[in-house]
């Protein structure tokens, strides 16, 4: 049975670890993420963007995840990531998702509160948990595009007010991470003191978006096999560990899986140009995602926490 993000994140908050939210796009991603979770006895959140719904089809996504949840013993959540379209959010609430994110971070503060509260009121009777967002992450991911100039850190006092007035189950905060593969030009620095201040004022679990590490071995390998990933840089592992130690309960990962999937497909097709069976090269990509997810589960401290 699928569970809500709230159930998984409340346990993470009490246990001092974080649950990974891994974005899915197709069958291979679902298989890889849930296989890794089962092997390490870890709960995971299967996150779906509006772009992924458009690509794979709403019913296909729900069916894939529900089938996985029946096959696996670990607890899984099906979560809408960066929901902006109210029609899609409502469909998710009514037709199989256990958690939704309403991303009103680009709106004025009062409007963000109003739209987030509306989603909470829709979701609560259905037993669906809700994640809100305050502050803006730079970078590009599907329907989310924010320039560095327009990125803003989350204000701790506003965070407390936002949570109180909306009733959200969790809050995504901006402390210096960004979406995509090109997160930093200079030294990677996150506003850890800001995070601690927010945690001191907010009583719901906090979420870190844009947290992929951008494995440099994968970048190098990708470039060797024809990719153009020059200067791609992500969030260092030690920063993630520190954020979880300070109280982050959910960490979103997308780019790291996309890169691994692409790189190992490129490698396989380069080394075996005679292949035309998609199972052969897509399988290599799927295996690469398994390794990424297992690594992240260990990093977040959720191994053995499937309860």
C-alpha atoms as a PDB file:
ATOM      1  CA  UNK A   1       0.000   0.000   0.000  1.00  0.00           C
ATOM      2  CA  UNK A   2       1.184   3.495  -0.804  1.00  0.00           C
ATOM      3  CA  UNK A   3       1.569   5.836   2.157  1.00  0.00           C
ATOM      4  CA  UNK A   4       1.741   9.612   2.412  1.00  0.00           C
ATOM      5  CA  UNK A   5       4.819  11.801   2.518  1.00  0.00           C
ATOM      6  CA  UNK A   6       3.624  12.944   5.929  1.00  0.00           C
ATOM      7  CA  UNK A   7       3.928   9.439   7.360  1.00  0.00           C
ATOM      8  CA  UNK A   8       7.412   8.963   5.916  1.00  0.00           C
ATOM      9  CA  UNK A   9       8.662  12.430   6.843  1.00  0.00           C
ATOM     10  CA  UNK A  10       7.289  12.453  10.378  1.00  0.00           C
ATOM     11  CA  UNK A  11       9.219   9.219  10.974  1.00  0.00           C
ATOM     12  CA  UNK A  12      12.329  10.728   9.390  1.00  0.00           C
ATOM     13  CA  UNK A  13      12.076  13.806  11.589  1.00  0.00           C
ATOM     14  CA  UNK A  14      11.759  11.666  14.709  1.00  0.00           C
ATOM     15  CA  UNK A  15      14.601   9.396  13.594  1.00  0.00           C
ATOM     16  CA  UNK A  16      17.089  12.038  12.466  1.00  0.00           C
ATOM     17  CA  UNK A  17      17.383  10.955   8.842  1.00  0.00           C
ATOM     18  CA  UNK A  18      15.917  12.036   5.494  1.00  0.00           C
ATOM     19  CA  UNK A  19      13.767  10.228   2.949  1.00  0.00           C
ATOM     20  CA  UNK A  20      14.826  10.458  -0.673  1.00  0.00           C
ATOM     21  CA  UNK A  21      12.319  11.777  -3.204  1.00  0.00           C
ATOM     22  CA  UNK A  22      13.384  10.393  -6.582  1.00  0.00           C
ATOM     23  CA  UNK A  23      11.793  11.689  -9.767  1.00  0.00           C
ATOM     24  CA  UNK A  24      10.374   9.139 -12.183  1.00  0.00           C
ATOM     25  CA  UNK A  25       9.726   9.387 -15.908  1.00  0.00           C
ATOM     26  CA  UNK A  26       9.198   5.833 -17.129  1.00  0.00           C
ATOM     27  CA  UNK A  27       9.141   2.165 -16.148  1.00  0.00           C
ATOM     28  CA  UNK A  28      12.920   1.862 -15.830  1.00  0.00           C
ATOM     29  CA  UNK A  29      13.079   4.672 -13.273  1.00  0.00           C
ATOM     30  CA  UNK A  30      10.287   3.121 -11.176  1.00  0.00           C
ATOM     31  CA  UNK A  31      11.909  -0.302 -11.257  1.00  0.00           C
ATOM     32  CA  UNK A  32      15.365   1.003 -10.375  1.00  0.00           C
ATOM     33  CA  UNK A  33      14.258   3.197  -7.483  1.00  0.00           C
ATOM     34  CA  UNK A  34      12.010   0.594  -5.884  1.00  0.00           C
ATOM     35  CA  UNK A  35      14.557  -2.210  -6.369  1.00  0.00           C
ATOM     36  CA  UNK A  36      17.199  -0.119  -4.603  1.00  0.00           C
ATOM     37  CA  UNK A  37      14.765   0.731  -1.800  1.00  0.00           C
ATOM     38  CA  UNK A  38      13.848  -2.927  -1.328  1.00  0.00           C
ATOM     39  CA  UNK A  39      17.488  -4.028  -1.273  1.00  0.00           C
ATOM     40  CA  UNK A  40      18.380  -1.488   1.423  1.00  0.00           C
ATOM     41  CA  UNK A  41      15.059  -1.708   3.290  1.00  0.00           C
ATOM     42  CA  UNK A  42      14.457   2.024   2.892  1.00  0.00           C
ATOM     43  CA  UNK A  43      11.287   4.035   2.354  1.00  0.00           C
ATOM     44  CA  UNK A  44      11.318   6.196  -0.766  1.00  0.00           C
ATOM     45  CA  UNK A  45       9.146   8.850  -2.365  1.00  0.00           C
ATOM     46  CA  UNK A  46       8.424   8.502  -6.077  1.00  0.00           C
ATOM     47  CA  UNK A  47       8.144  12.077  -7.316  1.00  0.00           C
ATOM     48  CA  UNK A  48       6.375  13.010 -10.534  1.00  0.00           C
ATOM     49  CA  UNK A  49       6.631  16.382 -12.251  1.00  0.00           C
ATOM     50  CA  UNK A  50       3.913  17.835 -14.454  1.00  0.00           C
ATOM     51  CA  UNK A  51       6.282  17.246 -17.359  1.00  0.00           C
ATOM     52  CA  UNK A  52       6.571  13.554 -16.479  1.00  0.00           C
ATOM     53  CA  UNK A  53       2.781  13.257 -16.366  1.00  0.00           C
ATOM     54  CA  UNK A  54       2.566  14.797 -19.823  1.00  0.00           C
ATOM     55  CA  UNK A  55       5.297  12.490 -21.126  1.00  0.00           C
ATOM     56  CA  UNK A  56       4.197   9.168 -19.628  1.00  0.00           C
ATOM     57  CA  UNK A  57       0.470   9.717 -19.153  1.00  0.00           C
ATOM     58  CA  UNK A  58      -1.312  10.115 -15.832  1.00  0.00           C
ATOM     59  CA  UNK A  59      -2.837   6.632 -15.690  1.00  0.00           C
ATOM     60  CA  UNK A  60       0.413   4.983 -16.754  1.00  0.00           C
ATOM     61  CA  UNK A  61       2.376   6.714 -13.977  1.00  0.00           C
ATOM     62  CA  UNK A  62      -0.150   5.792 -11.294  1.00  0.00           C
ATOM     63  CA  UNK A  63      -0.396   2.204 -12.512  1.00  0.00           C
ATOM     64  CA  UNK A  64       3.381   1.754 -12.567  1.00  0.00           C
ATOM     65  CA  UNK A  65       3.796   3.026  -9.020  1.00  0.00           C
ATOM     66  CA  UNK A  66       0.813   1.159  -7.603  1.00  0.00           C
ATOM     67  CA  UNK A  67       2.062  -2.073  -9.168  1.00  0.00           C
ATOM     68  CA  UNK A  68       5.474  -1.475  -7.607  1.00  0.00           C
ATOM     69  CA  UNK A  69       3.883  -0.814  -4.218  1.00  0.00           C
ATOM     70  CA  UNK A  70       2.076  -4.164  -4.372  1.00  0.00           C
ATOM     71  CA  UNK A  71       5.293  -5.950  -5.323  1.00  0.00           C
ATOM     72  CA  UNK A  72       7.593  -4.347  -2.740  1.00  0.00           C
ATOM     73  CA  UNK A  73       7.583  -4.638   1.030  1.00  0.00           C
ATOM     74  CA  UNK A  74       9.006  -1.178   1.697  1.00  0.00           C
ATOM     75  CA  UNK A  75       6.769   1.846   2.083  1.00  0.00           C
ATOM     76  CA  UNK A  76       6.423   4.094  -0.962  1.00  0.00           C
ATOM     77  CA  UNK A  77       4.721   7.414  -1.578  1.00  0.00           C
ATOM     78  CA  UNK A  78       3.496   8.791  -4.909  1.00  0.00           C
ATOM     79  CA  UNK A  79       4.106  12.534  -4.895  1.00  0.00           C
ATOM     80  CA  UNK A  80       3.387  15.381  -7.319  1.00  0.00           C
ATOM     81  CA  UNK A  81       6.532  17.498  -7.547  1.00  0.00           C
ATOM     82  CA  UNK A  82       6.279  21.267  -8.179  1.00  0.00           C
ATOM     83  CA  UNK A  83       2.565  21.298  -8.881  1.00  0.00           C
ATOM     84  CA  UNK A  84       1.455  24.574 -10.434  1.00  0.00           C
ATOM     85  CA  UNK A  85      -1.578  23.623 -12.516  1.00  0.00           C
ATOM     86  CA  UNK A  86      -4.589  23.394 -10.195  1.00  0.00           C
ATOM     87  CA  UNK A  87      -6.366  21.000 -12.538  1.00  0.00           C
ATOM     88  CA  UNK A  88      -3.453  18.560 -12.404  1.00  0.00           C
ATOM     89  CA  UNK A  89      -3.150  18.974  -8.635  1.00  0.00           C
ATOM     90  CA  UNK A  90      -6.837  18.157  -8.193  1.00  0.00           C
ATOM     91  CA  UNK A  91      -6.527  15.127 -10.465  1.00  0.00           C
ATOM     92  CA  UNK A  92      -3.590  13.858  -8.421  1.00  0.00           C
ATOM     93  CA  UNK A  93      -5.507  14.302  -5.166  1.00  0.00           C
ATOM     94  CA  UNK A  94      -8.562  12.474  -6.461  1.00  0.00           C
ATOM     95  CA  UNK A  95      -6.999   9.746  -8.574  1.00  0.00           C
ATOM     96  CA  UNK A  96      -4.201   7.945  -6.801  1.00  0.00           C
ATOM     97  CA  UNK A  97      -1.421  10.210  -5.538  1.00  0.00           C
ATOM     98  CA  UNK A  98      -0.756  10.158  -1.807  1.00  0.00           C
ATOM     99  CA  UNK A  99       1.022  13.517  -1.665  1.00  0.00           C
ATOM    100  CA  UNK A 100       1.109  16.724  -3.692  1.00  0.00           C
ATOM    101  CA  UNK A 101       3.318  19.790  -3.770  1.00  0.00           C
ATOM    102  CA  UNK A 102       1.818  23.155  -4.543  1.00  0.00           C
ATOM    103  CA  UNK A 103       4.578  25.454  -5.738  1.00  0.00           C
ATOM    104  CA  UNK A 104       3.444  29.027  -5.269  1.00  0.00           C
ATOM    105  CA  UNK A 105       6.972  30.273  -4.630  1.00  0.00           C
ATOM    106  CA  UNK A 106       6.814  32.652  -7.597  1.00  0.00           C
ATOM    107  CA  UNK A 107       3.744  34.390  -6.158  1.00  0.00           C
ATOM    108  CA  UNK A 108       3.574  37.246  -3.633  1.00  0.00           C
ATOM    109  CA  UNK A 109       3.618  35.948  -0.054  1.00  0.00           C
ATOM    110  CA  UNK A 110      -0.104  36.388   0.621  1.00  0.00           C
ATOM    111  CA  UNK A 111      -1.060  34.778  -2.697  1.00  0.00           C
ATOM    112  CA  UNK A 112       1.234  31.841  -2.010  1.00  0.00           C
ATOM    113  CA  UNK A 113      -0.510  31.364   1.340  1.00  0.00           C
ATOM    114  CA  UNK A 114      -3.957  31.549  -0.252  1.00  0.00           C
ATOM    115  CA  UNK A 115      -3.326  29.032  -3.036  1.00  0.00           C
ATOM    116  CA  UNK A 116      -1.462  26.666  -0.729  1.00  0.00           C
ATOM    117  CA  UNK A 117      -4.290  26.791   1.794  1.00  0.00           C
ATOM    118  CA  UNK A 118      -6.744  25.983  -0.994  1.00  0.00           C
ATOM    119  CA  UNK A 119      -4.784  22.856  -1.919  1.00  0.00           C
ATOM    120  CA  UNK A 120      -4.591  21.790   1.743  1.00  0.00           C
ATOM    121  CA  UNK A 121      -8.372  22.119   2.012  1.00  0.00           C
ATOM    122  CA  UNK A 122      -8.809  19.955  -1.107  1.00  0.00           C
ATOM    123  CA  UNK A 123      -6.302  17.316  -0.017  1.00  0.00           C
ATOM    124  CA  UNK A 124      -7.072  16.896   3.671  1.00  0.00           C
ATOM    125  CA  UNK A 125     -10.457  15.107   3.252  1.00  0.00           C
ATOM    126  CA  UNK A 126      -8.796  12.660   0.844  1.00  0.00           C
ATOM    127  CA  UNK A 127      -5.958  11.833   3.239  1.00  0.00           C
ATOM    128  CA  UNK A 128      -3.375  13.304   0.858  1.00  0.00           C
ATOM    129  CA  UNK A 129      -0.442  15.206   2.351  1.00  0.00           C
ATOM    130  CA  UNK A 130       0.635  18.623   1.046  1.00  0.00           C
ATOM    131  CA  UNK A 131       4.063  20.216   0.603  1.00  0.00           C
ATOM    132  CA  UNK A 132       4.388  23.956   0.124  1.00  0.00           C
ATOM    133  CA  UNK A 133       7.361  26.044  -0.925  1.00  0.00           C
ATOM    134  CA  UNK A 134       8.663  29.381   0.300  1.00  0.00           C
ATOM    135  CA  UNK A 135      11.702  31.031  -1.223  1.00  0.00           C
ATOM    136  CA  UNK A 136      12.889  30.462  -4.791  1.00  0.00           C
ATOM    137  CA  UNK A 137      15.557  28.093  -6.076  1.00  0.00           C
ATOM    138  CA  UNK A 138      17.555  29.070  -9.127  1.00  0.00           C
ATOM    139  CA  UNK A 139      17.830  26.708 -12.073  1.00  0.00           C
ATOM    140  CA  UNK A 140      15.635  24.918 -14.572  1.00  0.00           C
ATOM    141  CA  UNK A 141      13.558  21.766 -14.071  1.00  0.00           C
ATOM    142  CA  UNK A 142      10.523  20.964 -16.253  1.00  0.00           C
ATOM    143  CA  UNK A 143       7.943  23.701 -15.511  1.00  0.00           C
ATOM    144  CA  UNK A 144      10.261  25.512 -13.051  1.00  0.00           C
ATOM    145  CA  UNK A 145      12.688  28.136 -14.349  1.00  0.00           C
ATOM    146  CA  UNK A 146      14.245  30.764 -12.069  1.00  0.00           C
ATOM    147  CA  UNK A 147      17.236  32.967 -12.854  1.00  0.00           C
ATOM    148  CA  UNK A 148      20.008  33.393 -10.299  1.00  0.00           C
ATOM    149  CA  UNK A 149      19.008  37.045  -9.911  1.00  0.00           C
ATOM    150  CA  UNK A 150      15.448  36.066  -8.961  1.00  0.00           C
ATOM    151  CA  UNK A 151      16.392  33.324  -6.500  1.00  0.00           C
ATOM    152  CA  UNK A 152      15.713  34.150  -2.844  1.00  0.00           C
ATOM    153  CA  UNK A 153      16.408  32.456   0.477  1.00  0.00           C
ATOM    154  CA  UNK A 154      13.500  31.468   2.687  1.00  0.00           C
ATOM    155  CA  UNK A 155      12.794  33.988   5.441  1.00  0.00           C
ATOM    156  CA  UNK A 156      12.453  32.192   8.831  1.00  0.00           C
ATOM    157  CA  UNK A 157       9.688  34.442  10.185  1.00  0.00           C
ATOM    158  CA  UNK A 158       7.726  34.168   6.945  1.00  0.00           C
ATOM    159  CA  UNK A 159       8.178  30.397   7.055  1.00  0.00           C
ATOM    160  CA  UNK A 160       6.575  30.217  10.491  1.00  0.00           C
ATOM    161  CA  UNK A 161       3.658  32.375   9.366  1.00  0.00           C
ATOM    162  CA  UNK A 162       3.278  30.402   6.133  1.00  0.00           C
ATOM    163  CA  UNK A 163       3.067  27.047   7.908  1.00  0.00           C
ATOM    164  CA  UNK A 164       0.603  28.367  10.496  1.00  0.00           C
ATOM    165  CA  UNK A 165      -1.738  29.944   7.940  1.00  0.00           C
ATOM    166  CA  UNK A 166      -1.656  27.174   5.327  1.00  0.00           C
ATOM    167  CA  UNK A 167      -1.627  24.009   7.431  1.00  0.00           C
ATOM    168  CA  UNK A 168       0.925  22.314   5.142  1.00  0.00           C
ATOM    169  CA  UNK A 169       2.435  18.998   6.202  1.00  0.00           C
ATOM    170  CA  UNK A 170       5.929  19.942   5.009  1.00  0.00           C
ATOM    171  CA  UNK A 171       7.793  22.938   3.649  1.00  0.00           C
ATOM    172  CA  UNK A 172      10.401  23.191   0.892  1.00  0.00           C
ATOM    173  CA  UNK A 173      12.976  25.852   1.736  1.00  0.00           C
ATOM    174  CA  UNK A 174      15.551  27.745  -0.307  1.00  0.00           C
ATOM    175  CA  UNK A 175      19.034  27.853   1.239  1.00  0.00           C
ATOM    176  CA  UNK A 176      21.247  28.001  -1.835  1.00  0.00           C
ATOM    177  CA  UNK A 177      20.627  24.822  -3.830  1.00  0.00           C
ATOM    178  CA  UNK A 178      19.331  25.003  -7.401  1.00  0.00           C
ATOM    179  CA  UNK A 179      17.686  22.801  -9.993  1.00  0.00           C
ATOM    180  CA  UNK A 180      19.580  21.179 -12.855  1.00  0.00           C
ATOM    181  CA  UNK A 181      23.183  20.103 -13.424  1.00  0.00           C
ATOM    182  CA  UNK A 182      24.862  23.537 -13.232  1.00  0.00           C
ATOM    183  CA  UNK A 183      24.315  24.587  -9.620  1.00  0.00           C
ATOM    184  CA  UNK A 184      27.496  26.470  -8.745  1.00  0.00           C
ATOM    185  CA  UNK A 185      30.205  28.395 -10.580  1.00  0.00           C
ATOM    186  CA  UNK A 186      32.420  28.966  -7.559  1.00  0.00           C
ATOM    187  CA  UNK A 187      32.524  27.198  -4.209  1.00  0.00           C
ATOM    188  CA  UNK A 188      29.333  25.365  -3.294  1.00  0.00           C
ATOM    189  CA  UNK A 189      27.916  27.066  -0.217  1.00  0.00           C
ATOM    190  CA  UNK A 190      24.565  26.527   1.491  1.00  0.00           C
ATOM    191  CA  UNK A 191      23.063  28.837   4.108  1.00  0.00           C
ATOM    192  CA  UNK A 192      23.172  26.340   6.974  1.00  0.00           C
ATOM    193  CA  UNK A 193      22.642  28.964   9.658  1.00  0.00           C
ATOM    194  CA  UNK A 194      19.521  30.080   7.815  1.00  0.00           C
ATOM    195  CA  UNK A 195      18.312  26.463   7.809  1.00  0.00           C
ATOM    196  CA  UNK A 196      18.865  26.161  11.558  1.00  0.00           C
ATOM    197  CA  UNK A 197      16.938  29.366  12.138  1.00  0.00           C
ATOM    198  CA  UNK A 198      14.015  28.127  10.042  1.00  0.00           C
ATOM    199  CA  UNK A 199      13.973  24.804  11.905  1.00  0.00           C
ATOM    200  CA  UNK A 200      13.797  26.717  15.171  1.00  0.00           C
ATOM    201  CA  UNK A 201      10.638  28.492  14.062  1.00  0.00           C
ATOM    202  CA  UNK A 202       8.804  25.799  12.045  1.00  0.00           C
ATOM    203  CA  UNK A 203       7.408  22.551  13.439  1.00  0.00           C
ATOM    204  CA  UNK A 204       6.745  20.632  10.204  1.00  0.00           C
ATOM    205  CA  UNK A 205       9.367  18.584   8.321  1.00  0.00           C
ATOM    206  CA  UNK A 206      11.535  20.554   5.885  1.00  0.00           C
ATOM    207  CA  UNK A 207      12.432  19.653   2.315  1.00  0.00           C
ATOM    208  CA  UNK A 208      15.571  20.308   0.259  1.00  0.00           C
ATOM    209  CA  UNK A 209      15.073  20.621  -3.502  1.00  0.00           C
ATOM    210  CA  UNK A 210      17.835  20.839  -6.109  1.00  0.00           C
ATOM    211  CA  UNK A 211      20.075  18.517  -4.105  1.00  0.00           C
ATOM    212  CA  UNK A 212      21.757  16.356  -6.757  1.00  0.00           C
ATOM    213  CA  UNK A 213      25.521  16.001  -6.344  1.00  0.00           C
ATOM    214  CA  UNK A 214      26.348  15.702 -10.078  1.00  0.00           C
ATOM    215  CA  UNK A 215      28.812  12.808  -9.877  1.00  0.00           C
ATOM    216  CA  UNK A 216      31.997  13.996 -11.564  1.00  0.00           C
ATOM    217  CA  UNK A 217      32.921  10.491 -12.722  1.00  0.00           C
ATOM    218  CA  UNK A 218      29.600  10.311 -14.544  1.00  0.00           C
ATOM    219  CA  UNK A 219      30.193  13.752 -16.054  1.00  0.00           C
ATOM    220  CA  UNK A 220      33.634  12.705 -17.283  1.00  0.00           C
ATOM    221  CA  UNK A 221      32.304   9.435 -18.675  1.00  0.00           C
ATOM    222  CA  UNK A 222      29.413  11.188 -20.380  1.00  0.00           C
ATOM    223  CA  UNK A 223      31.745  13.642 -22.077  1.00  0.00           C
ATOM    224  CA  UNK A 224      33.930  10.770 -23.259  1.00  0.00           C
ATOM    225  CA  UNK A 225      30.925   9.195 -24.961  1.00  0.00           C
ATOM    226  CA  UNK A 226      29.645  12.307 -26.714  1.00  0.00           C
ATOM    227  CA  UNK A 227      27.697  14.194 -24.053  1.00  0.00           C
ATOM    228  CA  UNK A 228      28.252  17.898 -23.403  1.00  0.00           C
ATOM    229  CA  UNK A 229      28.232  18.217 -19.625  1.00  0.00           C
ATOM    230  CA  UNK A 230      31.183  20.551 -19.217  1.00  0.00           C
ATOM    231  CA  UNK A 231      31.341  22.440 -15.890  1.00  0.00           C
ATOM    232  CA  UNK A 232      28.316  20.610 -14.458  1.00  0.00           C
ATOM    233  CA  UNK A 233      28.532  20.834 -10.656  1.00  0.00           C
ATOM    234  CA  UNK A 234      26.218  19.834  -7.843  1.00  0.00           C
ATOM    235  CA  UNK A 235      25.797  19.903  -4.075  1.00  0.00           C
ATOM    236  CA  UNK A 236      28.671  18.203  -2.175  1.00  0.00           C
ATOM    237  CA  UNK A 237      27.826  15.148  -0.089  1.00  0.00           C
ATOM    238  CA  UNK A 238      29.066  16.822   3.071  1.00  0.00           C
ATOM    239  CA  UNK A 239      26.567  19.658   2.592  1.00  0.00           C
ATOM    240  CA  UNK A 240      23.708  17.160   2.287  1.00  0.00           C
ATOM    241  CA  UNK A 241      24.893  15.313   5.380  1.00  0.00           C
ATOM    242  CA  UNK A 242      25.038  18.570   7.326  1.00  0.00           C
ATOM    243  CA  UNK A 243      21.565  19.628   6.134  1.00  0.00           C
ATOM    244  CA  UNK A 244      20.089  16.296   7.226  1.00  0.00           C
ATOM    245  CA  UNK A 245      21.908  16.525  10.547  1.00  0.00           C
ATOM    246  CA  UNK A 246      20.368  19.951  11.106  1.00  0.00           C
ATOM    247  CA  UNK A 247      16.862  18.689  10.344  1.00  0.00           C
ATOM    248  CA  UNK A 248      16.094  18.301   6.617  1.00  0.00           C
ATOM    249  CA  UNK A 249      13.686  15.347   6.325  1.00  0.00           C
ATOM    250  CA  UNK A 250      13.218  14.970   2.558  1.00  0.00           C
ATOM    251  CA  UNK A 251      15.855  15.387  -0.156  1.00  0.00           C
ATOM    252  CA  UNK A 252      14.886  15.613  -3.832  1.00  0.00           C
ATOM    253  CA  UNK A 253      17.037  13.890  -6.456  1.00  0.00           C
ATOM    254  CA  UNK A 254      16.463  14.054 -10.206  1.00  0.00           C
ATOM    255  CA  UNK A 255      19.519  15.271 -12.141  1.00  0.00           C
ATOM    256  CA  UNK A 256      21.869  12.603 -10.754  1.00  0.00           C
ATOM    257  CA  UNK A 257      19.607   9.841 -12.071  1.00  0.00           C
ATOM    258  CA  UNK A 258      19.100  11.525 -15.447  1.00  0.00           C
ATOM    259  CA  UNK A 259      22.840  11.858 -15.954  1.00  0.00           C
ATOM    260  CA  UNK A 260      23.588   8.267 -14.890  1.00  0.00           C
ATOM    261  CA  UNK A 261      20.813   6.889 -17.092  1.00  0.00           C
ATOM    262  CA  UNK A 262      22.006   8.844 -20.117  1.00  0.00           C
ATOM    263  CA  UNK A 263      25.706   8.180 -19.604  1.00  0.00           C
ATOM    264  CA  UNK A 264      25.381   4.410 -19.320  1.00  0.00           C
ATOM    265  CA  UNK A 265      23.065   4.203 -22.297  1.00  0.00           C
ATOM    266  CA  UNK A 266      25.628   6.200 -24.303  1.00  0.00           C
ATOM    267  CA  UNK A 267      28.432   3.952 -23.085  1.00  0.00           C
ATOM    268  CA  UNK A 268      26.568   0.761 -23.942  1.00  0.00           C
ATOM    269  CA  UNK A 269      25.594   1.906 -27.420  1.00  0.00           C
ATOM    270  CA  UNK A 270      29.132   3.139 -28.131  1.00  0.00           C
ATOM    271  CA  UNK A 271      30.751  -0.088 -27.001  1.00  0.00           C
ATOM    272  CA  UNK A 272      28.151  -2.301 -28.686  1.00  0.00           C
ATOM    273  CA  UNK A 273      26.978  -0.432 -31.793  1.00  0.00           C
ATOM    274  CA  UNK A 274      25.348  -3.593 -33.099  1.00  0.00           C
ATOM    275  CA  UNK A 275      22.677  -3.422 -30.383  1.00  0.00           C
ATOM    276  CA  UNK A 276      19.141  -2.583 -31.420  1.00  0.00           C
ATOM    277  CA  UNK A 277      17.287  -4.288 -28.561  1.00  0.00           C
ATOM    278  CA  UNK A 278      16.196  -1.434 -26.242  1.00  0.00           C
ATOM    279  CA  UNK A 279      16.185  -3.791 -23.284  1.00  0.00           C
ATOM    280  CA  UNK A 280      19.954  -4.058 -23.530  1.00  0.00           C
ATOM    281  CA  UNK A 281      20.803  -0.360 -23.380  1.00  0.00           C
ATOM    282  CA  UNK A 282      17.839   0.756 -21.274  1.00  0.00           C
ATOM    283  CA  UNK A 283      18.736  -2.020 -18.841  1.00  0.00           C
ATOM    284  CA  UNK A 284      22.220  -0.552 -18.481  1.00  0.00           C
ATOM    285  CA  UNK A 285      20.673   2.824 -17.706  1.00  0.00           C
ATOM    286  CA  UNK A 286      18.316   1.248 -15.194  1.00  0.00           C
ATOM    287  CA  UNK A 287      21.190  -0.492 -13.396  1.00  0.00           C
ATOM    288  CA  UNK A 288      23.009   2.840 -13.168  1.00  0.00           C
ATOM    289  CA  UNK A 289      19.979   4.420 -11.477  1.00  0.00           C
ATOM    290  CA  UNK A 290      19.905   1.575  -8.933  1.00  0.00           C
ATOM    291  CA  UNK A 291      23.469   2.452  -7.929  1.00  0.00           C
ATOM    292  CA  UNK A 292      22.658   6.170  -7.666  1.00  0.00           C
ATOM    293  CA  UNK A 293      19.618   5.566  -5.466  1.00  0.00           C
ATOM    294  CA  UNK A 294      21.453   3.143  -3.176  1.00  0.00           C
ATOM    295  CA  UNK A 295      24.218   5.715  -2.745  1.00  0.00           C
ATOM    296  CA  UNK A 296      21.701   8.426  -1.856  1.00  0.00           C
ATOM    297  CA  UNK A 297      19.820   6.199   0.582  1.00  0.00           C
ATOM    298  CA  UNK A 298      23.067   5.646   2.472  1.00  0.00           C
ATOM    299  CA  UNK A 299      23.861   9.357   2.324  1.00  0.00           C
ATOM    300  CA  UNK A 300      20.459  10.311   3.735  1.00  0.00           C
ATOM    301  CA  UNK A 301      20.615   7.704   6.510  1.00  0.00           C
ATOM    302  CA  UNK A 302      17.353   5.962   5.580  1.00  0.00           C
ATOM    303  CA  UNK A 303      18.758   2.460   5.068  1.00  0.00           C
ATOM    304  CA  UNK A 304      16.910  -0.013   7.286  1.00  0.00           C
ATOM    305  CA  UNK A 305      14.181   2.537   8.085  1.00  0.00           C
ATOM    306  CA  UNK A 306      11.361   0.978   6.042  1.00  0.00           C
ATOM    307  CA  UNK A 307       9.651  -0.073   9.278  1.00  0.00           C
END
